[in-house]
Amino acid sequence: MTKGGMSGAACRAWKYAGIGVAAAAWAMALVPVARAAETPQADERRVYALPPGPLGEALTAFGELSGRKLLVASDLVRSLATRGVTGSFTPDEALGRLLAGTGLTFRYANPTTITVERIGDGPGGAVTLDPIRVEGAGETATGPVDGYVATRSATGTKTDTPLLETPQTISIVTRDQMQAQGVRNVDQALRYAPGVVTENLGVDNRFDSIYLRGFSADEYLDGLKFLSGSFAVPQLDPYGLERVEVLKGPASVLYGQASPGGLVNLVSKRPTATPFREVHVQFGSYDRKQGGFDIGGPIDEKGEFLYRVTGLAYETGTQVDFTEYQRYFIAPALTWKPTGNTTLTLLARHQEDPKAGFFNKLPAIGTALDNPNGQVPTDFYAGEPGVDKFDRSLTTVGYEFEHRFDSVWTVRQNLRYLDMDVDFATVFPAAVFQADQHTLNRFFFTSDEDLGVFTIDNQAQASFDTWRLKHRFLTGVDYQHVTWDQVARDGSAPAIDFLNPVYGQSVAEPPVFLDQRQKQDQVGVYAQDQVKLGNLSLLLGGRHDWAKSALANHLASSRSERHDTAFTGRAGVVYVFDAGLAPYFSYAESFQPTSGTSFSGTAFEPTSGQQLEVGLRYQPKALNALISVSAFDLTQQNVLTTDPDHANFNVQTGEIRSRGVELEAKASLTEGLGLTAAYSYLDAEVTEANDASEGNRPVGIPTHLASLWLDYRFQGGWLAGLQIGGGMRYRGASYGNTTNSFKIPDVALFDAAVFYDLGAIDQSLDGLQLAINASNLFDEEYVGRCQNNGCYYGLRRNVIGTITYRW
């Protein structure tokens, strides 16, 4: 990989970091500040080691360790147990974990006296104090969640904000949900999310292929965008993730150039103050073999240094002949907390994918449509063994820094460098058969790509009051630099007959038709204000972006350059009722640069997107659940469409409109019941085009999507330790081409899971768990998506058994 531009990129990034600091200082000088008094010793951290057991005993020990006086009725805790707490925490964090799942919360009567009470109960007496609640056992925007219900996120605002106060749809898949459903990639993690079309490439899962509200989604890692080349596209293993979060609709105000449909933010596992150790082995369909580990906790007694190391290795066959997957990855992380106000977290990852399986479409005739010779088998391999390959190597290194100066000002800086190499070669079939309807012409394509991406985001946040208004003001400067080298070859290969395939034919290396280097730079300056007046929350934001791209064509010895600039805005309002209902309304904009030129040589303008959304969330006070419903109207302009006057050219007069309704319900009940349910209705249409696509639906976007997952953990009796789960995923019919001449049928797929904690049988086996996950339980054969007469089969039944030990 050529890294000659790295030092220049780094210098420019630090220059923009300085601009961010200067902007923060400027804003600090202008903002009237009213500082809130801090609770004495509120951020004091210490190591707690309180084992699981009776809650009353644990609360007594907590009081002695923390120096707090606890007021609690003995009959309130007499029959309750706690899961304990171990690690470095503030008193509030430690107490929140002790009370997790007990139905109790706490409030401060004064800075050193705490009252423990039932959730929903207010204190008696003449003076009523608002209780201080610890939602989700001390949940943070990037931390672990106990169960399926996440209540906080930073994806929608870049600040740690309750979902109830966020005026845009966000769906979150927690680590517990990913584990219960046995997901093996990010596509699968989003199977049960509303309005999300996943696994569009079916058996080809080299890349995540996700559509949100009818548009292809961008992917981010820890709030920083994953940029890519043609085939140098990052894909992370979900075992290294704490959450997968989906922000629906335009997000350019915070993230710059982005799809109007929204984004997927992958949240890395981070070091934990609580010691955590896990190892697992896995065996399953297609001779799958996997091993992994996840360990972390405090390094020192004070908890100033925390660590985590996650690793995994697997190899497996697939439902297609001659194809395999192999992956190896390790992700170390280290957190340093020199004070309660300063945190530095180092995050790194190295992943090798020496074999990436099947990557060929098959003709629509014989997959989605009938073929007089019969259907093409789902295990048919159209490539050439020994020639086809996809070898990907990915490394990321970065950090997250945060320092709180006082009760008003906090600064953050997030940085990452990504290096990726891809060596790709494929013999692939044409999208249509020869006249005999069983012989396929084939072609040979290779691509050797190197990708380097430097990303930095500088933020300054101020929390202050003006009159009765409580502000959380955020300003920032971010910068992205991409260097991408590609050498590609293209040629022909011998034909193949799916009725009698012959492999091992001679394939000549094709000539180079593309040798290029692309560089991209983007700078964005943004500001956002979250304003609260009682139960009313307002959000206002604006951003200006400057984007530059340069292309060096080494074959033609030519160079071209383009510049784009855009301003985007965002506004929203939420009212949170005391009962937990939160109606909201929002408006958001997006922009996305478009490559190429018109017949006259004029560079295309960026596409633009606008969305109006209205929604309602409900978070019951006495129930760990979250219910959301939203309706939206989303339009994208400046879409490329055929130039009616000049063949083989495009003009920017196209428009796509997407309207719909989404519903989602998630619950994790103390009785052992977990639930996630979703439904979406999507009316998507190409509203303006110069070809036959006008008035049609976009390719592969179903009108209806629905899903339901339920699991139950038995609490006592002879079934104690057993957990069973099952789910259904429904994908409605969609069109297979832009002319809407044929449809991909709808499909309903079923999944199942069984878990057993052996510690329920014998205490000496505590921490040992057995699990079986089955995907597409009834082995439905279906087509996942078609495009340009080529189709991808969906994944057939896959059963995986896992043995996990935690201690």
Foldseek 3Di string as FASTA:
>chain_A
DDDVCVVVQVVVQVVQLVVFVVVLVVVVVVDDFDFDDDQPQQLPKAWDDWAKDQLVVSVVVLCVVQVAAEDEDCVLRVPPIARAFGFIGGSQLRVLRRCPLVQKFWADPGSRYIYIDGQPDWDDDPDTDDGDGCPQSVDWQQAAGDEAFDQWHCQQPVHTGGPLQRFFDKHKGFPVNCVQQVDWFVLVSCLFPFQKFWCLQFQQPPDTFIFHLQHTAWEAEPNAGFDADDSRGDTDTCQQFGMKMWTAAADCLRHNFTDRGTYIYTRGDAFDRGWWKKKKWKAWPQGKTKIWIKTKHAPDRRSQKIKIKIWMWMKGAALAPLAIWTKTKMKIKMWGHPDSFKIKMKIKMKMKIFGRTADEFEFCDQAQHDFPVHHQDQHYHFKARPFFTKIKIKMKIWMKIWGDPGSFKIKIKTKMKMKMWIWGKIWYWDNAAPPVRFKTWTKIKIKTKIKIKIKMKIKMWTWRDDDQKTKTKMKIKMKMKMKMWMWMFIGTDHMAGSVDGDHDDDDDTGDTPFTKIKMKMKMKIKMKMWMDRPQKTKIWMKMKMKMKMKMQTPVVRDIDIDIAIDMWIKIKMWGQDPQFKIKMKMKTKHWHADADAFPVRHGQHTKMKMKIKIKMWGCGSSFSKIKIKMKMKMKIFQDWAADPPDPPGTGGGKMKIKIKMKIWMWGQGSQFKTKIWIKMAMDIAGCDHDDLLHGHHDFQAARIKIKMKMKGAHPDDPRHQKMKMKMKIKGAKGAQESNSPDIFHIDMFMKIKIKGQCCVVPVVSGQKMKMKIKTSNVFDWGWSGHYPSTTRIHGGIMMMIMIMGMD
